[in-house]
Structures are given as structure tokens and as C-alpha cells.
């Protein structure tokens, strides 16, 4: 089975260690591949949660045989709330994070779906308890987001606040719940950025309604999922407390999927994801945000190709950027590139 040809694995392709536990409140989905030591650290943090009515579905996406065995041994030392789904053969090419997370969603029994990446972890032991209390007391809330810090591979704090604009927006506002604030969709759009999956939870019905993750990309699939979920949610809740630590990948290593793409490829994928979000959502505010972001990305690509000496390509991307996001300054820049291109042709 090819990850390019199918959105989700068939039931026969899943090797799951299942248990009698079912009907829990929260399903935590954890995709992993060949990072057992980091995975075990993260699973131990989940086990320390004060709220215990959860299941953890580890989705192993083609780890080598040694890593799979180590994962199985770790789960045996935990308890029956922790189980694994194995995709593909040991050491295989992998299906990608979107397919892996969709397999977890399909297998989930919880009313609430949440996520954590294997190289990150939750820092707050009351995270699940606070989250469940919001969903229980506010039945119209379909999407819950919290906050996190970001730490470099050298241990330095790069960001102490993942969503500073949103934190500033609610500062001084009366809380709608002890744990935070109901926020409008247009406020979420104005704040910019997006909530990474470590700090996001949603009702299982909402995850299913949007069709899970888009499997045609292995980059910024979390941004795509977030904005489609926000668009579908009846109400969004924000807890400003920092409850997780995101560990920024070492740019010199290739053990993170996004680092396998070149910078130009990452920009192209970002533009594609923006187009997909705009195509799928009903909110005009989200569409406008995606179009603006796409314009920024296309501008970077224009400058990149011009700096690389590929001036015709730089001009093409400049025109696309102008169509996506109009401004007088960029119009003048695009016109200058066009004149330069015409002069080169005349001199050829």
C-alpha cells in the first residue's frame, strides 16, 4: 500500500495491540517513527496526568524492528490505557504524519481527541483535567487550545509563549471559565499563527466532520487541520496557561520530516497548504488570512529565485504574489523585475 495512493490504511494493514478498555473520555494520539527514547519520555509525562480516564494510541509509522520492540516493551511497562498501532513493515518508507494521525482518529474511542508529538511533552499534570472540565461545562465548545513554550535543541528557550498575540488579546478580559476564555473566530484570525497539535483538543465528532488530516502533505498538515477545525467548531476556547514544551528540531539533523525538505520546497508546500485551507473553509476571514499568508510566501520565493540568478522565475512568482496580496510597494518591485527581464531579452 502506498501513502500516495490511499488516504488511510485498511483495517487489515493495522497491527494493533488492543485491550478491553473502551468508551474513555479522552484519546491521545501519538505518531512516532524511530525515536523511542523521546517517545518514552513523553508517554511517562502523559501517565502523570491527574485526570486518568484516557487512552493513548501510539501510531508507529514504519519504525525499524529494534525501535518497534523497544516501543512494545515500554508500553508493557505502562498500563492498559496505552496501546500501539503499527503501520507498514519495520523500516519501511512510512506513510507520513497525516495518515498516522488519521489511523489514530479512526481507532479512538474517546469523546475528545488530542495529540502530542513524540519529541515534545506536556509540562502540566493537570492539562487533561482542565481541558475536560471546559468541554463538560461548555457543551458548545468544539475546539480547545492552550499554550506552550519552545526550546531549542541546545536547551535554550526560544519562545516562552507560543501564542503571544492571543494572550495579549484576552488580557484583562473577564474569564468565561476558570481555565480561560471563549474566543470568536475572527479574534483567532486576527491573532495569527496557529495552535500546534500538542496544545489542541477537539471533539471526536468535529475531527470526523472535517475528514481528519489532509494526507497529501507531510508539511504544515497541523496548520491545515487547525484552521479547518476552527472553521467547523461551534465555539473555540483558549487556555493561556503553558502546558507543553515544543522541542525545536536541530536544523543539522534529518530525523524530523520537515527538515528533509529544502527551504524552497517548504515555501511551496506552505503556499499549497494555504490554498487547501481556503478551498475547504466557509469563513471569509480564514480565507483572507490564508491568501495573505500565501502572498508572503510567494514573495519570499520570488526573492529567493532572483537571488539564485533565476530572474524569469523570480518575476513569475512576483506576479503570483501580487495577485495574492496587492500592495503598491510590491507592484513597483514586480514592475521593476518585469522591466529588467525585458531588457535581458532585448540584449540576448
Protein backbone atom coordinates (compact mmCIF):
# COMPACT_ATOMS: atom_id res chain seq x y z
CA UNK A 1 0.00 0.00 0.00
CA UNK A 2 1.34 3.44 -0.93
CA UNK A 3 0.79 6.55 1.19
CA UNK A 4 0.44 8.46 -2.08
CA UNK A 5 -2.44 6.30 -3.27
CA UNK A 6 -4.63 5.98 -0.18
CA UNK A 7 -5.81 8.36 2.48
CA UNK A 8 -6.00 5.81 5.29
CA UNK A 9 -4.68 2.30 5.85
CA UNK A 10 -7.15 -0.54 5.56
CA UNK A 11 -8.06 -2.43 8.70
CA UNK A 12 -6.00 -5.42 7.58
CA UNK A 13 -2.88 -3.24 7.40
CA UNK A 14 -3.11 -2.23 11.06
CA UNK A 15 -1.42 -4.36 13.68
CA UNK A 16 -2.97 -3.16 16.93
CA UNK A 17 -2.50 -4.36 20.46
CA UNK A 18 -6.00 -3.78 21.74
CA UNK A 19 -7.48 -4.19 25.20
CA UNK A 20 -10.95 -4.27 26.75
CA UNK A 21 -10.77 -0.58 27.71
CA UNK A 22 -13.20 1.45 25.61
CA UNK A 23 -15.51 4.42 25.83
CA UNK A 24 -12.98 6.66 27.59
CA UNK A 25 -13.29 10.44 27.70
CA UNK A 26 -10.01 11.39 26.00
CA UNK A 27 -7.99 9.74 23.24
CA UNK A 28 -4.38 10.93 22.96
CA UNK A 29 -2.87 10.23 19.54
CA UNK A 30 0.91 10.00 19.26
CA UNK A 31 2.58 9.37 15.88
CA UNK A 32 6.14 8.06 16.12
CA UNK A 33 8.99 6.77 14.00
CA UNK A 34 12.40 5.62 15.27
CA UNK A 35 12.51 7.94 18.29
CA UNK A 36 11.91 5.53 21.14
CA UNK A 37 13.81 7.38 23.88
CA UNK A 38 11.91 10.61 23.21
CA UNK A 39 8.64 8.70 22.91
CA UNK A 40 9.12 7.02 26.29
CA UNK A 41 9.83 10.38 27.97
CA UNK A 42 6.64 11.80 26.52
CA UNK A 43 4.49 8.78 27.48
CA UNK A 44 5.67 8.98 31.09
CA UNK A 45 4.57 12.61 31.17
CA UNK A 46 1.12 11.62 29.94
CA UNK A 47 0.87 8.92 32.60
CA UNK A 48 1.44 11.56 35.28
CA UNK A 49 -1.80 13.38 34.38
CA UNK A 50 -4.16 13.82 37.32
CA UNK A 51 -7.10 13.01 35.03
CA UNK A 52 -6.99 9.29 34.34
CA UNK A 53 -9.90 8.46 32.03
CA UNK A 54 -7.86 8.46 28.82
CA UNK A 55 -6.34 6.16 26.24
CA UNK A 56 -3.06 6.72 24.43
CA UNK A 57 -2.84 5.45 20.86
CA UNK A 58 0.75 5.31 19.68
CA UNK A 59 0.85 5.03 15.89
CA UNK A 60 4.19 3.58 14.80
CA UNK A 61 4.78 4.61 11.21
CA UNK A 62 7.35 2.14 9.88
CA UNK A 63 9.94 2.23 12.68
CA UNK A 64 12.76 -0.28 12.41
CA UNK A 65 12.46 -3.60 14.22
CA UNK A 66 14.57 -2.52 17.20
CA UNK A 67 12.52 0.64 17.76
CA UNK A 68 9.26 -1.28 17.47
CA UNK A 69 10.41 -3.79 20.04
CA UNK A 70 11.54 -1.00 22.37
CA UNK A 71 8.16 0.71 21.98
CA UNK A 72 6.33 -2.53 22.75
CA UNK A 73 8.48 -3.07 25.84
CA UNK A 74 7.75 0.48 27.05
CA UNK A 75 4.01 0.04 26.66
CA UNK A 76 4.15 -3.24 28.56
CA UNK A 77 5.66 -1.32 31.49
CA UNK A 78 2.86 1.23 31.45
CA UNK A 79 -0.78 0.09 31.67
CA UNK A 80 -3.74 -0.96 29.55
CA UNK A 81 -4.59 2.63 28.62
CA UNK A 82 -1.54 2.66 26.33
CA UNK A 83 -1.63 0.73 23.05
CA UNK A 84 0.09 0.75 19.70
CA UNK A 85 -0.95 0.62 16.06
CA UNK A 86 1.80 -0.41 13.66
CA UNK A 87 1.68 0.89 10.08
CA UNK A 88 3.67 -0.81 7.35
CA UNK A 89 6.65 -3.12 7.67
CA UNK A 90 9.57 -2.48 10.05
CA UNK A 91 11.94 0.01 8.49
CA UNK A 92 9.55 0.76 5.65
CA UNK A 93 9.21 4.17 4.00
CA UNK A 94 6.42 5.34 6.29
CA UNK A 95 3.02 6.76 5.42
CA UNK A 96 3.55 10.23 6.89
CA UNK A 97 2.14 12.03 9.95
CA UNK A 98 -1.28 12.75 8.43
CA UNK A 99 -2.01 9.10 7.64
CA UNK A 100 -0.65 8.06 11.05
CA UNK A 101 -2.85 10.52 12.93
CA UNK A 102 -5.89 9.57 10.86
CA UNK A 103 -5.31 5.94 11.83
CA UNK A 104 -5.33 7.08 15.46
CA UNK A 105 -8.55 9.04 14.99
CA UNK A 106 -10.19 6.01 13.36
CA UNK A 107 -9.18 3.81 16.30
CA UNK A 108 -10.06 6.32 19.02
CA UNK A 109 -12.87 5.62 21.48
CA UNK A 110 -12.72 8.92 23.39
CA UNK A 111 -15.25 11.71 23.10
CA UNK A 112 -12.33 14.15 22.94
CA UNK A 113 -9.30 13.84 20.66
CA UNK A 114 -5.94 15.38 21.50
CA UNK A 115 -2.37 14.92 20.29
CA UNK A 116 1.25 15.05 21.32
CA UNK A 117 4.31 14.67 19.11
CA UNK A 118 6.81 12.05 20.21
CA UNK A 119 9.67 14.56 20.58
CA UNK A 120 7.63 17.01 22.68
CA UNK A 121 5.84 16.60 26.00
CA UNK A 122 3.22 18.07 28.30
CA UNK A 123 4.62 20.02 31.24
CA UNK A 124 1.34 20.45 33.14
CA UNK A 125 0.00 17.44 35.03
CA UNK A 126 -3.49 18.99 35.20
CA UNK A 127 -3.70 19.66 31.46
CA UNK A 128 -6.27 16.96 30.69
CA UNK A 129 -8.31 17.73 33.81
CA UNK A 130 -8.61 21.41 32.88
CA UNK A 131 -9.42 20.57 29.27
CA UNK A 132 -12.15 18.05 30.12
CA UNK A 133 -13.72 20.47 32.60
CA UNK A 134 -14.09 23.04 29.82
CA UNK A 135 -15.67 20.57 27.40
CA UNK A 136 -18.04 19.32 30.12
CA UNK A 137 -19.16 22.75 31.32
CA UNK A 138 -19.32 24.41 27.89
CA UNK A 139 -21.13 22.00 25.55
CA UNK A 140 -20.86 24.30 22.51
CA UNK A 141 -17.06 24.34 22.66
CA UNK A 142 -15.75 22.04 19.95
CA UNK A 143 -12.13 23.23 19.85
CA UNK A 144 -9.85 23.83 22.84
CA UNK A 145 -6.37 25.33 22.64
CA UNK A 146 -3.81 26.02 25.35
CA UNK A 147 -0.27 27.42 25.27
CA UNK A 148 3.28 26.09 25.15
CA UNK A 149 6.93 27.11 25.18
CA UNK A 150 9.53 26.29 22.55
CA UNK A 151 13.04 25.11 23.42
CA UNK A 152 15.99 24.72 21.03
CA UNK A 153 17.98 21.51 20.64
CA UNK A 154 20.64 23.17 22.83
CA UNK A 155 18.14 23.70 25.66
CA UNK A 156 17.65 27.45 25.23
CA UNK A 157 14.13 28.85 25.44
CA UNK A 158 13.29 30.25 22.00
CA UNK A 159 9.70 31.16 22.83
CA UNK A 160 8.20 31.32 26.29
CA UNK A 161 4.76 31.93 24.82
CA UNK A 162 3.56 30.19 21.64
CA UNK A 163 0.51 32.44 21.15
CA UNK A 164 1.54 35.89 22.42
CA UNK A 165 -0.94 37.84 20.28
CA UNK A 166 -3.84 35.77 21.58
CA UNK A 167 -2.62 36.12 25.17
CA UNK A 168 -2.46 39.89 24.71
CA UNK A 169 -5.92 39.94 23.18
CA UNK A 170 -7.60 38.32 26.21
CA UNK A 171 -5.51 40.12 28.85
CA UNK A 172 -7.77 41.99 31.25
CA UNK A 173 -10.90 40.35 29.90
CA UNK A 174 -13.19 38.53 32.37
CA UNK A 175 -12.77 34.79 32.05
CA UNK A 176 -15.72 32.81 30.77
CA UNK A 177 -14.42 29.80 32.71
CA UNK A 178 -11.85 29.36 35.46
CA UNK A 179 -9.45 27.93 32.89
CA UNK A 180 -9.72 30.63 30.24
CA UNK A 181 -11.82 32.32 27.60
CA UNK A 182 -14.30 31.70 24.81
CA UNK A 183 -12.91 33.46 21.76
CA UNK A 184 -14.56 34.40 18.48
CA UNK A 185 -13.27 33.04 15.20
CA UNK A 186 -12.36 36.49 13.90
CA UNK A 187 -10.27 37.07 17.04
CA UNK A 188 -8.42 33.85 16.37
CA UNK A 189 -7.76 35.01 12.81
CA UNK A 190 -6.56 38.46 13.94
CA UNK A 191 -4.15 36.85 16.40
CA UNK A 192 -2.47 35.00 13.53
CA UNK A 193 -0.31 31.92 13.90
CA UNK A 194 -1.96 28.67 14.91
CA UNK A 195 -2.10 26.25 17.82
CA UNK A 196 0.29 23.36 17.34
CA UNK A 197 -1.18 19.91 17.90
CA UNK A 198 0.45 19.48 21.35
CA UNK A 199 -1.88 22.15 22.72
CA UNK A 200 -5.01 21.37 20.73
CA UNK A 201 -8.03 19.23 21.55
CA UNK A 202 -11.37 18.82 19.81
CA UNK A 203 -14.47 16.72 19.96
CA UNK A 204 -14.16 13.48 18.03
CA UNK A 205 -17.27 14.40 16.05
CA UNK A 206 -15.54 17.58 14.84
CA UNK A 207 -12.39 15.70 13.82
CA UNK A 208 -14.55 13.26 11.86
CA UNK A 209 -16.66 16.03 10.31
CA UNK A 210 -13.62 17.67 8.71
CA UNK A 211 -12.28 14.34 7.45
CA UNK A 212 -9.22 14.24 9.70
CA UNK A 213 -5.85 15.31 8.36
CA UNK A 214 -5.12 16.09 4.73
CA UNK A 215 -2.89 13.25 3.60
CA UNK A 216 -1.43 14.94 0.51
CA UNK A 217 1.17 16.84 2.50
CA UNK A 218 3.72 15.96 5.15
CA UNK A 219 4.47 19.60 5.95
CA UNK A 220 2.22 22.07 7.81
CA UNK A 221 -0.50 19.44 7.99
CA UNK A 222 -1.09 20.72 11.53
CA UNK A 223 -1.83 24.26 10.29
CA UNK A 224 -4.24 22.85 7.73
CA UNK A 225 -6.01 20.73 10.36
CA UNK A 226 -6.19 23.60 12.85
CA UNK A 227 -7.89 26.12 10.58
CA UNK A 228 -10.34 23.62 9.16
CA UNK A 229 -11.23 22.54 12.71
CA UNK A 230 -11.60 26.15 13.84
CA UNK A 231 -13.90 26.81 10.89
CA UNK A 232 -16.08 23.81 11.78
CA UNK A 233 -16.21 24.45 15.54
CA UNK A 234 -19.32 25.93 17.08
CA UNK A 235 -17.14 27.66 19.68
CA UNK A 236 -13.43 27.91 20.46
CA UNK A 237 -11.89 28.06 23.94
CA UNK A 238 -8.42 29.38 24.82
CA UNK A 239 -6.49 28.49 27.98
CA UNK A 240 -3.46 30.83 28.17
CA UNK A 241 -1.56 28.54 30.56
CA UNK A 242 1.66 26.98 29.23
CA UNK A 243 1.03 23.23 29.39
CA UNK A 244 3.56 21.80 26.92
CA UNK A 245 7.12 22.10 25.67
CA UNK A 246 7.82 22.02 21.96
CA UNK A 247 11.37 20.93 21.21
CA UNK A 248 12.57 22.71 18.07
CA UNK A 249 14.37 20.21 15.79
CA UNK A 250 18.10 20.52 15.27
CA UNK A 251 18.41 22.05 11.75
CA UNK A 252 21.56 20.00 11.15
CA UNK A 253 19.77 16.68 11.62
CA UNK A 254 17.31 14.86 9.35
CA UNK A 255 15.29 12.98 11.99
CA UNK A 256 12.42 15.45 11.59
CA UNK A 257 10.30 15.13 8.45
CA UNK A 258 10.12 18.87 7.75
CA UNK A 259 13.92 19.12 7.74
CA UNK A 260 14.10 16.77 4.76
CA UNK A 261 12.65 19.46 2.51
CA UNK A 262 14.72 22.33 1.15
CA UNK A 263 13.72 25.88 2.11
CA UNK A 264 12.20 26.48 -1.33
CA UNK A 265 10.21 23.23 -1.05
CA UNK A 266 8.91 24.24 2.38
CA UNK A 267 7.69 27.56 1.00
CA UNK A 268 5.98 25.84 -1.91
CA UNK A 269 4.25 23.43 0.45
CA UNK A 270 3.19 26.32 2.70
CA UNK A 271 1.56 28.02 -0.26
CA UNK A 272 -0.21 24.79 -1.23
CA UNK A 273 -1.50 24.28 2.32
CA UNK A 274 -2.84 27.85 2.34
CA UNK A 275 -4.72 27.16 -0.87
CA UNK A 276 -6.16 23.94 0.54
CA UNK A 277 -7.40 25.66 3.70
CA UNK A 278 -9.01 28.45 1.68
CA UNK A 279 -10.72 25.86 -0.52
CA UNK A 280 -12.17 23.92 2.42
CA UNK A 281 -13.37 26.57 4.90
CA UNK A 282 -16.53 28.65 4.93
CA UNK A 283 -15.06 31.56 6.89
CA UNK A 284 -14.13 34.54 4.71
CA UNK A 285 -11.77 35.72 7.47
CA UNK A 286 -9.79 32.47 7.36
CA UNK A 287 -9.70 32.60 3.57
CA UNK A 288 -8.35 36.15 3.67
CA UNK A 289 -5.71 35.13 6.21
CA UNK A 290 -4.58 32.22 4.03
CA UNK A 291 -4.44 34.40 0.93
CA UNK A 292 -2.34 36.98 2.75
CA UNK A 293 -0.01 34.29 4.07
CA UNK A 294 0.28 32.77 0.61
CA UNK A 295 1.25 36.19 -0.74
CA UNK A 296 4.03 36.46 1.85
CA UNK A 297 5.33 33.01 0.91
CA UNK A 298 5.29 33.79 -2.82
CA UNK A 299 7.23 36.98 -2.18
CA UNK A 300 9.92 35.00 -0.41
CA UNK A 301 10.07 32.60 -3.32
CA UNK A 302 10.36 35.49 -5.77
CA UNK A 303 13.31 36.96 -3.90
CA UNK A 304 14.86 33.55 -3.46
CA UNK A 305 14.84 32.72 -7.18
CA UNK A 306 16.06 36.20 -8.09
CA UNK A 307 18.95 35.83 -5.65
CA UNK A 308 19.71 32.47 -7.24
CA UNK A 309 20.02 34.16 -10.62
CA UNK A 310 16.77 32.66 -11.97
CA UNK A 311 15.24 36.04 -12.74
CA UNK A 312 12.44 34.83 -15.02
CA UNK A 313 11.22 32.50 -12.28
CA UNK A 314 11.57 35.29 -9.72
CA UNK A 315 9.39 37.52 -11.89
CA UNK A 316 6.75 34.79 -12.28
CA UNK A 317 6.49 34.35 -8.52
CA UNK A 318 6.43 38.12 -8.03
CA UNK A 319 3.33 38.34 -10.22
CA UNK A 320 1.66 35.49 -8.35
CA UNK A 321 2.48 37.19 -5.06
CA UNK A 322 0.95 40.44 -6.32
CA UNK A 323 -2.25 38.62 -7.26
CA UNK A 324 -2.43 37.00 -3.82
CA UNK A 325 -1.61 40.14 -1.85
CA UNK A 326 -1.77 43.54 -3.51
CA UNK A 327 0.42 46.42 -2.35
CA UNK A 328 1.91 49.46 -4.10
CA UNK A 329 5.43 48.64 -2.94
CA UNK A 330 5.24 45.09 -4.28
CA UNK A 331 3.62 46.27 -7.51
CA UNK A 332 6.60 48.57 -8.10
CA UNK A 333 9.00 45.73 -7.28
CA UNK A 334 7.19 43.41 -9.72
CA UNK A 335 7.24 46.07 -12.42
CA UNK A 336 10.99 46.57 -11.89
CA UNK A 337 11.58 42.83 -12.25
CA UNK A 338 9.50 42.82 -15.43
CA UNK A 339 11.45 45.72 -16.95
CA UNK A 340 14.71 44.01 -16.06
CA UNK A 341 13.51 40.82 -17.70
CA UNK A 342 12.52 42.67 -20.89
CA UNK A 343 15.91 44.36 -21.02
CA UNK A 344 17.65 41.00 -20.70
CA UNK A 345 15.60 39.60 -23.56
CA UNK A 346 16.39 42.65 -25.69
CA UNK A 347 20.11 42.22 -25.04
CA UNK A 348 20.07 38.50 -25.78
